[in-house]
């Protein structure tokens, strides 16, 4: 089950996946919202329009909160900015959809800027 969510999350940063609007409409819940790094709130339609332009590497961790809810977290690195990313996935009749997404700026001094993984320093 978690492997499916991991693959679905990675799909959002594959150009071939994002260039197909039907893929995005299928994967995003009808009531999807995103809280962005900048503090803006984006609707499902706005996110669908913008996703094809995004390209980031991620180190994804998945926590199953219940049989049908999963929390995905990772740190992204783009343009020398590190962002804490979180998404919530919901399973409805074996159909996983992303319900919520949030990007939050993180303090650069707490992270290894030389690391491709942008892992938190101990």
Protein backbone atom coordinates (compact mmCIF):
# COMPACT_ATOMS: atom_id res chain seq x y z
CA UNK A 1 0.00 0.00 0.00
CA UNK A 2 2.72 2.50 0.95
CA UNK A 3 4.62 1.72 -2.26
CA UNK A 4 1.61 2.92 -4.24
CA UNK A 5 1.54 6.25 -2.39
CA UNK A 6 5.29 6.68 -2.84
CA UNK A 7 4.94 6.12 -6.59
CA UNK A 8 1.94 8.45 -6.79
CA UNK A 9 3.82 11.19 -4.93
CA UNK A 10 6.83 10.82 -7.24
CA UNK A 11 4.54 11.02 -10.26
CA UNK A 12 3.80 14.68 -9.48
CA UNK A 13 7.39 15.52 -10.39
CA UNK A 14 7.54 13.55 -13.63
CA UNK A 15 7.00 15.74 -16.67
CA UNK A 16 5.39 12.93 -18.68
CA UNK A 17 2.83 12.42 -15.90
CA UNK A 18 2.12 16.10 -15.28
CA UNK A 19 1.76 16.98 -18.96
CA UNK A 20 -1.36 14.80 -19.03
CA UNK A 21 -4.15 16.80 -17.36
CA UNK A 22 -6.26 13.63 -17.06
CA UNK A 23 -3.54 12.11 -14.83
CA UNK A 24 -3.64 15.10 -12.49
CA UNK A 25 -7.42 15.23 -12.39
CA UNK A 26 -7.50 11.52 -11.59
CA UNK A 27 -4.92 11.81 -8.78
CA UNK A 28 -6.08 15.01 -7.02
CA UNK A 29 -9.16 14.83 -4.80
CA UNK A 30 -12.05 17.09 -5.89
CA UNK A 31 -11.63 19.06 -2.64
CA UNK A 32 -7.81 19.22 -2.82
CA UNK A 33 -6.06 22.36 -1.49
CA UNK A 34 -2.41 23.35 -1.16
CA UNK A 35 -0.81 25.66 1.41
CA UNK A 36 2.31 26.84 -0.37
CA UNK A 37 5.74 27.79 0.90
CA UNK A 38 4.84 31.44 0.26
CA UNK A 39 1.75 31.20 2.46
CA UNK A 40 -0.67 31.26 -0.45
CA UNK A 41 -3.54 28.81 -0.71
CA UNK A 42 -4.04 27.13 -4.08
CA UNK A 43 -7.11 25.39 -5.47
CA UNK A 44 -7.11 22.08 -7.30
CA UNK A 45 -7.45 23.80 -10.69
CA UNK A 46 -4.55 26.18 -10.03
CA UNK A 47 -2.30 23.31 -8.92
CA UNK A 48 -3.21 21.27 -11.99
CA UNK A 49 -2.27 24.22 -14.22
CA UNK A 50 1.09 24.72 -12.51
CA UNK A 51 2.31 21.18 -11.83
CA UNK A 52 3.84 20.56 -15.25
CA UNK A 53 6.42 23.29 -14.58
CA UNK A 54 7.80 21.78 -11.37
CA UNK A 55 10.92 19.57 -11.20
CA UNK A 56 12.39 18.65 -7.82
CA UNK A 57 14.24 15.78 -6.21
CA UNK A 58 12.81 14.47 -2.95
CA UNK A 59 13.56 12.21 -0.01
CA UNK A 60 10.12 10.92 0.79
CA UNK A 61 8.94 9.33 4.04
CA UNK A 62 5.48 7.80 4.39
CA UNK A 63 3.55 7.17 7.60
CA UNK A 64 0.31 5.22 7.51
CA UNK A 65 -2.06 7.06 9.89
CA UNK A 66 -4.88 4.56 9.39
CA UNK A 67 -5.79 1.87 6.89
CA UNK A 68 -7.01 4.57 4.48
CA UNK A 69 -4.96 7.68 5.37
CA UNK A 70 -1.24 8.24 4.75
CA UNK A 71 1.05 11.15 5.58
CA UNK A 72 3.93 11.88 3.17
CA UNK A 73 6.77 14.19 4.24
CA UNK A 74 10.01 15.30 2.62
CA UNK A 75 12.38 18.24 2.24
CA UNK A 76 12.75 19.76 -1.20
CA UNK A 77 15.69 21.84 -2.39
CA UNK A 78 15.16 24.33 -5.19
CA UNK A 79 16.99 27.55 -6.03
CA UNK A 80 18.96 27.33 -2.75
CA UNK A 81 15.69 27.26 -0.78
CA UNK A 82 14.70 24.35 1.39
CA UNK A 83 11.05 23.61 1.95
CA UNK A 84 9.33 21.15 4.28
CA UNK A 85 6.66 19.38 2.22
CA UNK A 86 3.66 17.45 3.54
CA UNK A 87 0.80 15.72 1.80
CA UNK A 88 -2.13 13.68 3.05
CA UNK A 89 -3.43 10.81 0.94
CA UNK A 90 -6.84 9.16 1.26
CA UNK A 91 -7.80 5.70 0.01
CA UNK A 92 -11.39 5.25 -1.11
CA UNK A 93 -12.18 1.79 -2.53
CA UNK A 94 -8.53 1.11 -3.51
CA UNK A 95 -8.23 4.50 -5.21
CA UNK A 96 -5.56 6.70 -3.55
CA UNK A 97 -5.98 10.47 -4.01
CA UNK A 98 -4.04 13.36 -2.55
CA UNK A 99 -6.33 15.40 -0.29
CA UNK A 100 -3.98 18.06 1.12
CA UNK A 101 -0.52 19.48 0.38
CA UNK A 102 1.60 22.04 2.24
CA UNK A 103 5.03 23.60 1.68
CA UNK A 104 6.67 25.41 4.60
CA UNK A 105 9.98 27.34 4.48
CA UNK A 106 12.63 25.86 6.75
CA UNK A 107 15.61 27.50 8.41
CA UNK A 108 18.59 26.96 6.06
CA UNK A 109 21.11 27.00 8.91
CA UNK A 110 19.64 23.77 10.29
CA UNK A 111 20.19 21.82 7.08
CA UNK A 112 23.22 20.59 5.20
CA UNK A 113 23.31 22.81 2.11
CA UNK A 114 25.97 20.59 0.50
CA UNK A 115 23.78 17.53 0.68
CA UNK A 116 21.66 16.55 -2.30
CA UNK A 117 19.22 15.08 0.17
CA UNK A 118 18.84 18.27 2.26
CA UNK A 119 18.61 16.16 5.41
CA UNK A 120 18.23 17.78 8.81
CA UNK A 121 21.56 18.01 10.62
CA UNK A 122 21.86 16.14 13.91
